[in-house]
Structures are given as C-alpha cells and as structure tokens.
Amino acid sequence: MPRIDPKVRKIASEYIKHNKRGRAVLALERMLEAGSVTTDELKDLGYNHPPRAIGDVRDNGIPVITKMVKSLSGRRMASYRLGTADDIRKGQTGRTNFSKKFRHKLFDMYGSIDCITGAEHERRSLQIDHRIPYRIAGDEGLETDDATAYMLLDAKSQRLKSWSCENCENLIEKQEPAICRKCFWAFPENYSHIAMKEIRRVDIVWQGKEVRDYEMIVKRANDEKMSLQDFLKELGRKHL
C-alpha cells in the first residue's frame, strides 16, 4: 500500500464513500491504490479530460501534488499524487453549499442577470460562482457573508470561465489571488487582462425588444460586407 498521509487518506476515502462515482472518484481511487496517476492512465481509465478530474479532487479540499514526467514514448505528461495535511490550504476544505439567505443576497445585489453578459435569466438558470477560483482563494468572503466575492453565471458563461481559468498560468503555477482580481473572468466590470493575456472583450446579449436593434446591426454589417464583430469595432472607432 502506498505511503499516504493518514489524514488525507481518510478525507479521500470519505469522499469516495459518499460519492461512489464521478471523475474525482476515478482519480482518487487510482491515487489511493497506486500512489499516483498520470494523464495517460486517467485516459486509459476512460476519462478524456484528466485536468478536470484532478480539479474536481482539489475542489473538494483534497490536496494533490503535480509533477511532470516522461511517458514511455518520451512525451512530457503530468503525474498526480495526494499531498499531506500541511498542503491543505486555508479556506479549502471542500466546497460549501450556499445558503438560501446568501443566494437571495446575491440576487438582491445583481438582479437575475449573468454577471458576464448582463443577460436576464430565470433565477433557477443562474449558478453562484467564485469570482476568484476556489483552487486559488477557497471560499473567500463566505464566512463574512461578502456577496461581492461571488457572481451569478449561466451554464454557458460558467463553462467559458472554467475553460479559460483551467488554461491560465496563474491557476496552473502562480496561484496568486491578486492576479485574478485584475482578470475579466473575476471582475468584468473592471479588469486589465484575461487569463494573463492582453485581451479585452465585451459580451452583449440583446433581449426582447432589443432583438430588433440587433437585427438592424446585423443587416448593416452585411451591407458593409463585414463580420458583426468588425462592424461593431468600426462603429466604436467612429464614435470615439
């Protein structure tokens, strides 16, 4: 049996016991049995996106150490093993279920809108998301009921944010909350970069009566033989 910190082994075993299945369970079972699991091994076990499986493990407060190794073919890949109790970061003891009171507080603050696109949704379609990824700041602000540390996102915006964060150098290596606080995905209302890249973006949704405006803009763009994106950029330049 591989040598694993008893406290971490207990946390991992309890998670498996209460969840039975899922991508985190798949990764945990392998690490408990063999001591480590590689990207290729997770793929062989049937999971095509290993980093997300490991991300789920970390999101549940279980420390994982990443090491880059070489495959039999000489290709570099990640190898994961369970860390020690000392590696459990403050505020990261497993995701907390948000109370109804806290959820209502967010809706009172933002309304029923997606904080990235500004689109209105039914409340049941919006999910609470950490502005700064859980893997970097844990449940920051939750103890003090600080709703400004969280945002409301629909499923599409949440997927886009997750993909961008998962491929960001800050999440992979630096783990600095200050960098996230300047990122579009955390504070779209005031940012200086997107996943540490010099990029600016605007997500706009036209709803209800606004759809007519959208259709007129599309027609104008087609008349100018321009993409909608280029047409809007040109329109912006003309009005600066």
Protein backbone atom coordinates (compact mmCIF):
# COMPACT_ATOMS: atom_id res chain seq x y z
CA MET A 1 0.00 0.00 0.00
CA PRO A 2 1.48 3.42 -0.94
CA ARG A 3 2.54 5.77 1.86
CA ILE A 4 -0.14 8.47 2.14
CA ASP A 5 -0.74 10.94 4.94
CA PRO A 6 -3.36 9.22 7.16
CA LYS A 7 -5.46 12.40 7.43
CA VAL A 8 -5.51 12.85 3.67
CA ARG A 9 -6.26 9.15 3.13
CA LYS A 10 -9.23 9.48 5.49
CA ILE A 11 -10.57 12.57 3.68
CA ALA A 12 -10.17 10.87 0.28
CA SER A 13 -11.78 7.63 1.47
CA GLU A 14 -14.73 9.51 2.99
CA TYR A 15 -15.25 11.36 -0.29
CA ILE A 16 -15.31 8.12 -2.27
CA LYS A 17 -17.67 6.53 0.27
CA HIS A 18 -20.22 9.33 -0.04
CA ASN A 19 -19.96 9.89 -3.80
CA LYS A 20 -19.42 6.40 -5.28
CA ARG A 21 -18.84 7.69 -8.82
CA GLY A 22 -17.64 10.71 -10.78
CA ARG A 23 -14.38 11.95 -12.24
CA ALA A 24 -12.92 12.87 -8.81
CA VAL A 25 -13.65 9.36 -7.51
CA LEU A 26 -11.90 7.85 -10.53
CA ALA A 27 -8.71 9.82 -9.87
CA LEU A 28 -8.80 9.30 -6.10
CA GLU A 29 -9.21 5.54 -6.31
CA ARG A 30 -6.17 5.28 -8.55
CA MET A 31 -4.01 7.50 -6.32
CA LEU A 32 -5.00 5.56 -3.21
CA GLU A 33 -4.28 2.22 -4.86
CA ALA A 34 -1.09 3.05 -6.78
CA GLY A 35 0.22 6.17 -5.05
CA SER A 36 -0.07 8.28 -8.19
CA VAL A 37 -1.89 8.56 -11.50
CA THR A 38 -0.74 10.07 -14.80
CA THR A 39 -2.63 11.89 -17.50
CA ASP A 40 -2.33 8.85 -19.76
CA GLU A 41 -3.57 6.47 -17.06
CA LEU A 42 -6.67 8.60 -16.48
CA LYS A 43 -7.36 8.50 -20.21
CA ASP A 44 -6.95 4.72 -20.21
CA LEU A 45 -9.46 4.56 -17.36
CA GLY A 46 -11.97 6.23 -19.64
CA TYR A 47 -11.68 9.92 -18.81
CA ASN A 48 -10.69 12.15 -21.72
CA HIS A 49 -10.00 15.35 -19.77
CA PRO A 50 -7.66 14.43 -16.87
CA PRO A 51 -7.04 18.01 -15.60
CA ARG A 52 -10.75 18.39 -14.85
CA ALA A 53 -10.78 15.14 -12.89
CA ILE A 54 -7.87 16.39 -10.78
CA GLY A 55 -9.54 19.79 -10.50
CA ASP A 56 -12.60 18.13 -9.01
CA VAL A 57 -10.38 16.43 -6.41
CA ARG A 58 -8.84 19.76 -5.41
CA ASP A 59 -12.22 21.48 -5.40
CA ASN A 60 -13.29 19.10 -2.64
CA GLY A 61 -10.46 20.13 -0.35
CA ILE A 62 -8.15 17.19 -1.10
CA PRO A 63 -4.54 18.24 -1.77
CA VAL A 64 -2.91 16.97 -4.96
CA ILE A 65 0.72 17.43 -6.00
CA THR A 66 1.55 17.65 -9.70
CA LYS A 67 4.86 16.51 -11.18
CA MET A 68 5.85 16.48 -14.84
CA VAL A 69 7.21 13.11 -16.02
CA LYS A 70 8.01 11.43 -19.34
CA SER A 71 5.86 8.77 -20.93
CA LEU A 72 7.36 5.63 -22.49
CA SER A 73 7.44 7.50 -25.80
CA GLY A 74 9.40 10.37 -24.23
CA ARG A 75 6.45 12.80 -24.22
CA ARG A 76 6.01 15.01 -21.15
CA MET A 77 2.86 14.46 -19.12
CA ALA A 78 1.54 15.21 -15.65
CA SER A 79 1.66 12.76 -12.77
CA TYR A 80 -0.54 13.38 -9.73
CA ARG A 81 -0.23 12.18 -6.15
CA LEU A 82 -2.00 13.04 -2.92
CA GLY A 83 -0.33 15.69 -0.79
CA THR A 84 -0.11 15.91 3.00
CA ALA A 85 -2.35 17.55 5.56
CA ASP A 86 0.07 20.51 5.53
CA ASP A 87 -0.78 21.05 1.85
CA ILE A 88 -4.44 21.73 2.63
CA ARG A 89 -4.78 25.44 2.09
CA LYS A 90 -6.77 27.72 4.38
CA GLY A 91 -10.36 28.02 3.26
CA GLN A 92 -10.11 24.95 1.03
CA THR A 93 -11.74 22.15 2.97
CA GLY A 94 -14.27 21.23 0.32
CA ARG A 95 -16.88 23.32 -1.44
CA THR A 96 -19.58 24.78 0.77
CA ASN A 97 -23.27 24.64 -0.10
CA PHE A 98 -24.57 28.19 -0.31
CA SER A 99 -27.49 29.02 1.96
CA LYS A 100 -30.80 30.35 0.63
CA LYS A 101 -30.11 33.57 2.53
CA PHE A 102 -26.77 34.04 0.78
CA ARG A 103 -28.30 33.22 -2.60
CA HIS A 104 -31.06 35.80 -2.05
CA LYS A 105 -28.41 38.33 -1.10
CA LEU A 106 -26.70 37.82 -4.45
CA PHE A 107 -29.96 38.26 -6.37
CA ASP A 108 -30.72 41.41 -4.38
CA MET A 109 -27.30 42.75 -5.34
CA TYR A 110 -27.11 41.78 -9.02
CA GLY A 111 -30.68 41.06 -10.03
CA SER A 112 -31.43 37.98 -12.16
CA ILE A 113 -28.58 38.60 -14.60
CA ASP A 114 -25.49 36.80 -15.79
CA CYS A 115 -22.60 38.94 -14.50
CA ILE A 116 -20.55 38.31 -17.66
CA THR A 117 -23.12 39.01 -20.38
CA GLY A 118 -25.66 41.10 -18.50
CA ALA A 119 -28.42 38.85 -19.87
CA GLU A 120 -31.55 38.32 -17.78
CA HIS A 121 -32.42 34.76 -16.81
CA GLU A 122 -34.81 32.87 -14.60
CA ARG A 123 -33.19 32.54 -11.19
CA ARG A 124 -33.06 28.77 -11.42
CA SER A 125 -30.83 29.08 -14.52
CA LEU A 126 -28.13 31.05 -12.68
CA GLN A 127 -25.38 29.49 -10.58
CA ILE A 128 -23.24 31.05 -7.87
CA ASP A 129 -19.61 31.19 -8.91
CA HIS A 130 -16.49 32.25 -7.00
CA ARG A 131 -15.09 35.38 -8.63
CA ILE A 132 -11.60 34.10 -7.79
CA PRO A 133 -11.35 30.35 -8.48
CA TYR A 134 -11.83 28.13 -5.44
CA ARG A 135 -8.49 26.45 -6.13
CA ILE A 136 -6.75 29.79 -5.57
CA ALA A 137 -8.74 31.57 -2.85
CA GLY A 138 -11.01 28.89 -1.39
CA ASP A 139 -14.37 30.13 -0.09
CA GLU A 140 -13.05 33.65 0.31
CA GLY A 141 -15.67 36.02 1.71
CA LEU A 142 -18.16 33.33 2.64
CA GLU A 143 -17.53 33.50 6.40
CA THR A 144 -18.32 37.23 6.39
CA ASP A 145 -21.28 36.90 4.00
CA ASP A 146 -19.41 39.01 1.43
CA ALA A 147 -21.55 38.63 -1.70
CA THR A 148 -19.13 40.81 -3.71
CA ALA A 149 -16.67 37.87 -3.72
CA TYR A 150 -19.17 35.88 -5.82
CA MET A 151 -21.05 36.30 -9.07
CA LEU A 152 -24.05 34.82 -10.89
CA LEU A 153 -23.41 32.98 -14.16
CA ASP A 154 -25.47 30.90 -16.55
CA ALA A 155 -24.15 27.49 -17.59
CA LYS A 156 -22.50 28.76 -20.79
CA SER A 157 -20.63 31.59 -19.07
CA GLN A 158 -19.51 29.22 -16.34
CA ARG A 159 -18.11 26.77 -18.91
CA LEU A 160 -16.25 29.56 -20.73
CA LYS A 161 -14.80 30.86 -17.48
CA SER A 162 -13.78 27.37 -16.32
CA TRP A 163 -12.01 26.61 -19.60
CA SER A 164 -10.12 29.90 -19.56
CA CYS A 165 -9.11 29.54 -15.90
CA GLU A 166 -8.01 25.92 -16.31
CA ASN A 167 -5.57 27.02 -19.01
CA CYS A 168 -4.31 30.10 -17.17
CA GLU A 169 -0.73 30.16 -15.88
CA ASN A 170 -1.92 31.65 -12.61
CA LEU A 171 -4.15 28.67 -11.80
CA ILE A 172 -1.57 26.15 -13.03
CA GLU A 173 1.50 27.60 -11.33
CA LYS A 174 1.38 31.01 -9.61
CA GLN A 175 -1.84 30.70 -7.55
CA GLU A 176 -1.93 34.45 -6.79
CA PRO A 177 -5.36 35.95 -5.91
CA ALA A 178 -4.12 39.44 -6.81
CA ILE A 179 -3.72 38.37 -10.45
CA CYS A 180 -7.28 37.03 -10.53
CA ARG A 181 -8.64 40.29 -9.13
CA LYS A 182 -7.47 42.06 -12.31
CA CYS A 183 -8.95 39.42 -14.64
CA PHE A 184 -12.08 39.77 -16.78
CA TRP A 185 -13.49 36.46 -15.56
CA ALA A 186 -13.42 37.67 -11.95
CA PHE A 187 -14.35 41.33 -12.38
CA PRO A 188 -15.62 42.01 -15.92
CA GLU A 189 -16.65 45.50 -14.78
CA ASN A 190 -13.02 46.46 -14.07
CA TYR A 191 -10.15 44.37 -15.43
CA SER A 192 -6.72 44.68 -17.08
CA HIS A 193 -6.21 41.20 -18.58
CA ILE A 194 -7.92 37.94 -19.47
CA ALA A 195 -6.14 34.88 -18.11
CA MET A 196 -2.90 36.95 -18.00
CA LYS A 197 -3.17 37.94 -21.67
CA GLU A 198 -3.53 41.43 -23.13
CA ILE A 199 -7.11 40.96 -24.32
CA ARG A 200 -10.31 42.96 -23.98
CA ARG A 201 -13.79 41.63 -24.69
CA VAL A 202 -17.43 42.60 -24.43
CA ASP A 203 -20.20 40.02 -24.14
CA ILE A 204 -23.51 41.56 -25.21
CA VAL A 205 -26.94 39.97 -25.24
CA TRP A 206 -29.96 41.56 -26.92
CA GLN A 207 -33.28 40.52 -25.38
CA GLY A 208 -36.95 41.21 -26.01
CA LYS A 209 -37.49 44.47 -27.88
CA GLU A 210 -33.71 44.85 -28.25
CA VAL A 211 -33.65 41.96 -30.76
CA ARG A 212 -34.93 44.37 -33.43
CA ASP A 213 -31.88 46.58 -32.82
CA TYR A 214 -29.62 43.54 -33.16
CA GLU A 215 -31.18 42.55 -36.48
CA MET A 216 -30.67 46.08 -37.83
CA ILE A 217 -26.99 45.98 -36.79
CA VAL A 218 -26.52 42.60 -38.49
CA LYS A 219 -28.13 43.96 -41.69
CA ARG A 220 -25.81 46.99 -41.65
CA ALA A 221 -22.81 44.72 -41.16
CA ASN A 222 -23.90 42.51 -44.07
CA ASP A 223 -24.41 45.58 -46.27
CA GLU A 224 -20.85 46.64 -45.48
CA LYS A 225 -19.65 43.07 -46.15
CA MET A 226 -18.17 42.94 -42.65
CA SER A 227 -18.41 40.46 -39.83
CA LEU A 228 -20.58 41.60 -36.94
CA GLN A 229 -17.50 41.83 -34.71
CA ASP A 230 -15.55 44.00 -37.17
CA PHE A 231 -18.58 46.19 -37.81
CA LEU A 232 -19.06 46.88 -34.08
CA LYS A 233 -15.34 47.68 -33.69
CA GLU A 234 -15.51 50.08 -36.63
CA LEU A 235 -18.65 51.68 -35.20
CA GLY A 236 -16.84 52.18 -31.92
CA ARG A 237 -13.83 53.81 -33.61
CA LYS A 238 -16.07 56.27 -35.46
CA HIS A 239 -17.67 57.41 -32.24
CA LEU A 240 -14.52 57.82 -30.13
